[in-house]
Amino acid sequence: MAKGTDLKIGLALGSGAARGWAHIGVLRALEEIGIKPDIICGTSIGAAVGAAYLTDQMDELQSWAQKMGWLGMLGIIDLTFRRGGLVAAEKAFGRFDNERSNVLIEDLPLPFATVATDLSTGREMWLRDGPLMSAVLASAAMPGLFPAVRRDHHLLVDGALVNPVPVSLCRALGADVVVAVNLNSELSPLGRPNGRGKSDGVRAVAAKVPEPVVAGGDAGSPAFSHLTSQISNWLGRKPTRRTRFLADQIDDAQAHKPMPNALEVMAGSIDIMQDRITRSRLAGEPPDVLIAPRLAHIGILEFDRAAEAVEIGHAAASMLRPSIELALRRA
């Protein structure tokens, strides 16, 4: 797609943990419609995907993400918390510890920057030079999951704490038109039974995405709910005090969901935090085009749903082609 020679397009890739695989789909769609960013800024998972794009490792990242699954996630867990987080960062990013990633930010083909948070002062830190991998690790150091990163005498954690969608950073680097990607536009904390509920956001791809199988039929699965409903109905048809009591117990168990575990509470809390901060920052620093894939049905820790997230991101960006073209014409 043609654009003015002096017009710079900035791409702001937002935070969202496992939802961040949608950025891969967004970048694929932008390439297909002829949109090539001149500046890329990322927060958290957005920084990681942006770095992969600029080091020509998108194919490797997508393949790794879509093959990871829960067994792969277990392989990077550090249950001792001895490194300051649940996930061992060197295992999570070890696959990308190569000569393409071990470069300086200033040597990348396009201007690139990430957002991190100074754990000591709470200040927003813009990482615009120095080693690429340490900048990505610092920006993605989600509290409780990834350990903090020491860089230039600062102890840095996830940039989502201060600037989840780095529109302001794109502007600061000279972008004339900013296309931003917000992965947290549909907040639904703890509203996803086992993280497997469907929403309107996936109806368009439902035919291509198979229903997940819940091994063992846990209390939140559709199979379990259907089975208990059948048993309850059958018991209710037996007009004895004992069967009536059993039916009531099953109905009560279905009506009262179990308390969320520690990880679900942490994930839901981060969801709320990111949503509130994102709303505030975007209100004061609006982009020219906002891509908001409908990803609330995917929990921020559900890294095994990469294929679904990529497809939703691709669809969301493709639908906004007219808006992007209009923004470029107006600039």
Protein backbone atom coordinates (compact mmCIF):
# COMPACT_ATOMS: atom_id res chain seq x y z
CA MET A 1 0.00 0.00 0.00
CA ALA A 2 1.41 3.38 -1.00
CA LYS A 3 1.99 6.08 1.57
CA GLY A 4 3.71 9.44 1.79
CA THR A 5 7.50 9.12 1.79
CA ASP A 6 7.84 11.12 5.01
CA LEU A 7 4.92 9.50 6.80
CA LYS A 8 6.02 7.23 9.64
CA ILE A 9 3.73 4.47 10.88
CA GLY A 10 4.17 3.42 14.49
CA LEU A 11 2.92 0.06 15.78
CA ALA A 12 2.17 -0.16 19.52
CA LEU A 13 1.89 -3.80 20.64
CA GLY A 14 0.18 -4.11 24.02
CA SER A 15 0.52 -6.44 26.98
CA GLY A 16 -1.66 -9.46 27.64
CA ALA A 17 0.49 -12.52 28.41
CA ALA A 18 -0.97 -15.56 26.58
CA ARG A 19 -3.31 -13.32 24.60
CA GLY A 20 -0.18 -11.81 23.10
CA TRP A 21 0.02 -14.54 20.49
CA ALA A 22 -2.71 -12.51 18.75
CA HIS A 23 0.03 -10.00 17.85
CA ILE A 24 1.43 -12.60 15.46
CA GLY A 25 -1.89 -12.68 13.61
CA VAL A 26 -2.06 -8.89 13.57
CA LEU A 27 1.41 -8.57 12.05
CA ARG A 28 0.59 -11.23 9.45
CA ALA A 29 -2.58 -9.37 8.46
CA LEU A 30 -0.79 -6.01 8.22
CA GLU A 31 1.77 -7.56 5.90
CA GLU A 32 -1.00 -8.97 3.71
CA ILE A 33 -2.67 -5.58 3.29
CA GLY A 34 0.63 -3.84 2.61
CA ILE A 35 1.12 -2.00 5.90
CA LYS A 36 4.77 -1.91 6.96
CA PRO A 37 5.50 -0.16 10.26
CA ASP A 38 8.43 2.25 10.47
CA ILE A 39 8.52 2.16 14.29
CA ILE A 40 7.61 -0.69 16.64
CA CYS A 41 7.09 -0.38 20.39
CA GLY A 42 5.97 -3.12 22.70
CA THR A 43 4.99 -3.78 26.27
CA SER A 44 5.42 -7.21 27.84
CA ILE A 45 4.40 -9.92 25.33
CA GLY A 46 4.11 -7.14 22.76
CA ALA A 47 7.82 -6.46 23.19
CA ALA A 48 8.62 -10.14 22.69
CA VAL A 49 6.57 -10.45 19.48
CA GLY A 50 7.92 -7.14 18.18
CA ALA A 51 11.47 -8.31 18.77
CA ALA A 52 10.77 -11.59 16.94
CA TYR A 53 9.36 -9.63 14.00
CA LEU A 54 12.41 -7.38 13.75
CA THR A 55 14.87 -10.27 14.02
CA ASP A 56 13.07 -12.35 11.40
CA GLN A 57 11.94 -15.04 13.85
CA MET A 58 8.17 -14.81 13.51
CA ASP A 59 7.83 -18.24 11.95
CA GLU A 60 9.89 -19.84 14.71
CA LEU A 61 7.93 -18.01 17.42
CA GLN A 62 4.56 -19.01 15.99
CA SER A 63 5.60 -22.64 15.58
CA TRP A 64 6.98 -22.78 19.12
CA ALA A 65 3.87 -21.12 20.59
CA GLN A 66 1.42 -23.39 18.79
CA LYS A 67 3.28 -26.55 19.79
CA MET A 68 3.90 -25.56 23.40
CA GLY A 69 0.78 -26.89 25.12
CA TRP A 70 0.56 -27.39 28.87
CA LEU A 71 3.37 -29.94 28.90
CA GLY A 72 5.65 -27.31 27.45
CA MET A 73 4.51 -24.83 30.07
CA LEU A 74 5.30 -27.28 32.84
CA GLY A 75 8.84 -27.52 31.50
CA ILE A 76 9.54 -23.86 32.26
CA ILE A 77 7.98 -23.78 35.73
CA ASP A 78 10.29 -23.16 38.70
CA LEU A 79 8.27 -24.39 41.68
CA THR A 80 10.85 -23.19 44.22
CA PHE A 81 10.33 -19.48 43.39
CA ARG A 82 14.08 -19.16 44.03
CA ARG A 83 14.52 -16.88 41.02
CA GLY A 84 11.79 -14.48 42.07
CA GLY A 85 9.05 -15.85 39.85
CA LEU A 86 7.06 -18.95 38.99
CA VAL A 87 8.53 -19.17 35.47
CA ALA A 88 12.25 -19.62 34.82
CA ALA A 89 12.91 -16.91 32.24
CA GLU A 90 16.03 -18.58 30.86
CA LYS A 91 13.95 -21.67 30.00
CA ALA A 92 11.04 -19.69 28.54
CA PHE A 93 13.27 -17.61 26.26
CA GLY A 94 16.15 -20.05 25.86
CA ARG A 95 14.96 -21.15 22.44
CA PHE A 96 15.56 -17.61 21.18
CA ASP A 97 19.00 -17.20 22.70
CA ASN A 98 20.79 -16.99 19.34
CA GLU A 99 22.85 -14.65 17.23
CA ARG A 100 19.76 -12.98 15.76
CA SER A 101 18.39 -12.14 19.21
CA ASN A 102 21.70 -11.26 20.85
CA VAL A 103 21.93 -7.85 19.21
CA LEU A 104 21.70 -4.24 20.29
CA ILE A 105 18.37 -2.44 19.88
CA GLU A 106 20.09 0.33 17.94
CA ASP A 107 21.29 -2.23 15.36
CA LEU A 108 17.77 -3.42 14.49
CA PRO A 109 16.42 -2.57 11.01
CA LEU A 110 13.69 -0.30 12.48
CA PRO A 111 13.45 1.90 15.58
CA PHE A 112 12.27 -0.28 18.47
CA ALA A 113 11.62 0.30 22.16
CA THR A 114 10.01 -1.47 25.09
CA VAL A 115 8.32 -0.31 28.29
CA ALA A 116 9.34 -1.57 31.73
CA THR A 117 8.64 -0.48 35.30
CA ASP A 118 11.28 0.43 37.86
CA LEU A 119 10.41 -1.74 40.84
CA SER A 120 12.09 0.64 43.29
CA THR A 121 10.41 3.88 42.22
CA GLY A 122 7.40 2.81 40.13
CA ARG A 123 8.64 4.96 37.26
CA GLU A 124 7.94 4.11 33.63
CA MET A 125 11.17 3.18 31.84
CA TRP A 126 11.64 3.37 28.08
CA LEU A 127 14.28 0.94 26.85
CA ARG A 128 15.48 2.24 23.50
CA ASP A 129 19.04 0.97 23.29
CA GLY A 130 21.33 -1.71 24.64
CA PRO A 131 20.91 -5.50 24.52
CA LEU A 132 17.63 -6.54 22.91
CA MET A 133 16.99 -9.66 25.00
CA SER A 134 17.40 -7.94 28.38
CA ALA A 135 14.98 -5.20 27.28
CA VAL A 136 12.39 -7.80 26.28
CA LEU A 137 12.86 -9.81 29.48
CA ALA A 138 12.47 -6.67 31.60
CA SER A 139 9.32 -5.56 29.79
CA ALA A 140 7.76 -9.04 30.12
CA ALA A 141 8.68 -9.65 33.77
CA MET A 142 5.09 -10.13 34.98
CA PRO A 143 5.03 -9.92 38.80
CA GLY A 144 4.78 -13.36 40.37
CA LEU A 145 5.49 -15.18 37.11
CA PHE A 146 8.77 -13.89 35.72
CA PRO A 147 11.68 -12.63 37.82
CA ALA A 148 12.67 -8.96 37.82
CA VAL A 149 15.57 -7.99 35.55
CA ARG A 150 18.57 -5.89 36.54
CA ARG A 151 19.53 -3.38 33.86
CA ASP A 152 21.64 -0.25 34.20
CA HIS A 153 21.39 -0.29 38.02
CA HIS A 154 17.59 -0.58 37.88
CA LEU A 155 15.44 -3.52 38.95
CA LEU A 156 12.80 -3.76 36.23
CA VAL A 157 9.45 -5.56 35.96
CA ASP A 158 6.52 -5.70 33.53
CA GLY A 159 5.76 -2.48 31.68
CA ALA A 160 2.05 -3.30 31.83
CA LEU A 161 2.03 -1.86 35.34
CA VAL A 162 2.42 1.63 33.91
CA ASN A 163 1.80 1.64 30.13
CA PRO A 164 0.06 -1.48 28.74
CA VAL A 165 -0.29 -0.13 25.18
CA PRO A 166 2.73 2.11 24.39
CA VAL A 167 1.13 4.71 22.12
CA SER A 168 3.06 7.52 23.82
CA LEU A 169 6.35 5.76 23.15
CA CYS A 170 5.56 5.45 19.44
CA ARG A 171 4.80 9.19 19.32
CA ALA A 172 8.03 9.97 21.13
CA LEU A 173 10.01 8.01 18.54
CA GLY A 174 8.50 10.09 15.75
CA ALA A 175 5.43 8.17 14.55
CA ASP A 176 2.96 10.26 12.53
CA VAL A 177 0.27 7.56 12.55
CA VAL A 178 -0.01 5.08 15.41
CA VAL A 179 -1.75 1.73 15.03
CA ALA A 180 -2.22 0.23 18.50
CA VAL A 181 -3.18 -3.29 19.55
CA ASN A 182 -5.07 -3.64 22.83
CA LEU A 183 -5.43 -7.26 23.97
CA ASN A 184 -7.46 -6.47 27.08
CA SER A 185 -10.49 -4.71 25.65
CA GLU A 186 -13.02 -7.28 26.91
CA LEU A 187 -12.34 -7.73 30.59
CA SER A 188 -13.82 -10.93 32.00
CA PRO A 189 -11.91 -11.79 35.19
CA LEU A 190 -12.74 -15.23 36.55
CA GLY A 191 -15.64 -15.39 34.13
CA ARG A 192 -14.16 -18.22 32.13
CA PRO A 193 -14.94 -21.65 33.63
CA ASN A 194 -11.57 -23.42 33.35
CA GLY A 195 -10.69 -20.74 30.82
CA ARG A 196 -12.67 -22.57 28.17
CA GLY A 197 -15.81 -20.49 27.75
CA LYS A 198 -16.79 -19.20 24.31
CA SER A 199 -17.65 -15.63 23.52
CA ASP A 200 -18.89 -13.73 20.51
CA GLY A 201 -15.27 -13.03 19.64
CA VAL A 202 -14.68 -16.56 18.44
CA ARG A 203 -17.93 -17.26 16.64
CA ALA A 204 -16.29 -16.35 13.37
CA VAL A 205 -13.60 -18.99 13.85
CA ALA A 206 -15.63 -21.52 15.81
CA ALA A 207 -15.92 -23.82 12.84
CA LYS A 208 -12.14 -24.05 12.60
CA VAL A 209 -11.34 -24.35 16.30
CA PRO A 210 -12.34 -27.69 17.86
CA GLU A 211 -13.96 -27.78 21.26
CA PRO A 212 -11.33 -28.59 23.91
CA VAL A 213 -11.54 -31.93 25.63
CA VAL A 214 -11.47 -31.74 29.41
CA ALA A 215 -9.75 -34.85 30.68
CA GLY A 216 -11.39 -36.46 33.64
CA GLY A 217 -14.60 -34.43 33.43
CA ASP A 218 -13.85 -31.79 36.08
CA ALA A 219 -16.62 -29.82 37.72
CA GLY A 220 -16.38 -26.92 35.30
CA SER A 221 -16.50 -28.90 32.07
CA PRO A 222 -19.60 -29.08 29.82
CA ALA A 223 -19.48 -32.88 29.95
CA PHE A 224 -19.58 -32.90 33.74
CA SER A 225 -22.40 -30.34 33.87
CA HIS A 226 -24.47 -32.35 31.40
CA LEU A 227 -23.87 -35.59 33.32
CA THR A 228 -24.81 -34.11 36.69
CA SER A 229 -27.92 -32.51 35.18
CA GLN A 230 -29.02 -35.90 33.86
CA ILE A 231 -28.41 -37.56 37.22
CA SER A 232 -30.22 -34.77 39.05
CA ASN A 233 -33.22 -35.03 36.73
CA TRP A 234 -33.32 -38.80 37.11
CA LEU A 235 -33.15 -38.57 40.90
CA GLY A 236 -35.82 -35.89 40.91
CA ARG A 237 -38.22 -38.26 39.21
CA LYS A 238 -37.94 -40.68 42.17
CA PRO A 239 -40.27 -39.19 44.79
CA THR A 240 -38.44 -40.46 47.85
CA ARG A 241 -36.85 -38.36 50.56
CA ARG A 242 -33.38 -39.81 49.88
CA THR A 243 -33.40 -39.30 46.11
CA ARG A 244 -34.90 -35.84 46.53
CA PHE A 245 -32.05 -34.98 48.95
CA LEU A 246 -29.39 -36.24 46.50
CA ALA A 247 -30.90 -34.25 43.65
CA ASP A 248 -30.87 -31.11 45.77
CA GLN A 249 -27.19 -31.67 46.66
CA ILE A 250 -26.18 -31.99 43.00
CA ASP A 251 -28.16 -28.89 42.03
CA ASP A 252 -26.53 -26.98 44.87
CA ALA A 253 -23.04 -28.10 43.79
CA GLN A 254 -23.71 -26.89 40.26
CA ALA A 255 -25.03 -23.55 41.47
CA HIS A 256 -22.02 -22.80 43.67
CA LYS A 257 -18.75 -22.72 41.76
CA PRO A 258 -15.59 -23.61 43.66
CA MET A 259 -13.32 -20.83 44.89
CA PRO A 260 -10.62 -19.82 42.39
CA ASN A 261 -7.10 -21.01 43.09
CA ALA A 262 -4.13 -18.71 43.71
CA LEU A 263 -3.10 -18.48 40.06
CA GLU A 264 -6.65 -17.68 38.98
CA VAL A 265 -6.88 -14.92 41.58
CA MET A 266 -3.53 -13.49 40.44
CA ALA A 267 -4.52 -13.70 36.77
CA GLY A 268 -7.89 -12.08 37.42
CA SER A 269 -6.27 -9.30 39.43
CA ILE A 270 -3.77 -8.60 36.65
CA ASP A 271 -6.66 -8.58 34.16
CA ILE A 272 -8.44 -5.88 36.16
CA MET A 273 -5.27 -3.84 36.64
CA GLN A 274 -4.34 -3.93 32.95
CA ASP A 275 -7.85 -3.03 31.86
CA ARG A 276 -8.09 -0.01 34.16
CA ILE A 277 -4.63 1.30 33.29
CA THR A 278 -5.19 0.73 29.58
CA ARG A 279 -8.48 2.63 29.59
CA SER A 280 -6.84 5.57 31.35
CA ARG A 281 -3.77 5.71 29.10
CA LEU A 282 -5.70 5.33 25.84
CA ALA A 283 -8.15 8.06 26.88
CA GLY A 284 -5.28 10.52 27.26
CA GLU A 285 -3.11 9.15 24.45
CA PRO A 286 -5.45 7.78 21.77
CA PRO A 287 -3.94 6.04 18.73
CA ASP A 288 -5.06 6.79 15.18
CA VAL A 289 -6.28 3.21 14.79
CA LEU A 290 -7.05 0.81 17.62
CA ILE A 291 -7.11 -2.92 16.92
CA ALA A 292 -8.88 -4.72 19.77
CA PRO A 293 -9.14 -8.49 19.21
CA ARG A 294 -11.90 -10.07 21.29
CA LEU A 295 -9.81 -12.28 23.55
CA ALA A 296 -11.50 -12.12 26.95
CA HIS A 297 -12.40 -15.80 26.75
CA ILE A 298 -8.66 -16.64 26.72
CA GLY A 299 -7.04 -16.39 30.14
CA ILE A 300 -3.70 -14.62 30.39
CA LEU A 301 -2.06 -17.89 31.46
CA GLU A 302 -3.57 -20.07 28.72
CA PHE A 303 -0.46 -20.21 26.56
CA ASP A 304 -1.68 -23.45 24.96
CA ARG A 305 -4.30 -21.55 22.94
CA ALA A 306 -1.84 -19.86 20.59
CA ALA A 307 -3.44 -21.02 17.33
CA GLU A 308 -6.81 -19.59 18.36
CA ALA A 309 -5.30 -16.27 19.49
CA VAL A 310 -3.30 -15.90 16.25
CA GLU A 311 -6.41 -16.43 14.15
CA ILE A 312 -8.47 -13.93 16.15
CA GLY A 313 -5.69 -11.33 15.91
CA HIS A 314 -5.46 -11.82 12.14
CA ALA A 315 -9.22 -11.43 11.72
CA ALA A 316 -9.35 -8.29 13.89
CA ALA A 317 -6.58 -6.53 11.95
CA SER A 318 -7.96 -7.56 8.55
CA MET A 319 -11.38 -6.10 9.39
CA LEU A 320 -9.83 -2.71 10.14
CA ARG A 321 -8.08 -2.28 6.79
CA PRO A 322 -10.44 0.58 5.75
CA SER A 323 -9.77 2.42 9.03
CA ILE A 324 -6.02 2.09 8.63
CA GLU A 325 -6.12 3.32 5.02
CA LEU A 326 -8.31 6.28 6.04
CA ALA A 327 -5.91 7.19 8.86
CA LEU A 328 -2.98 7.19 6.43
CA ARG A 329 -4.83 9.38 3.94
CA ARG A 330 -5.74 11.92 6.62
CA ALA A 331 -2.21 12.18 8.06
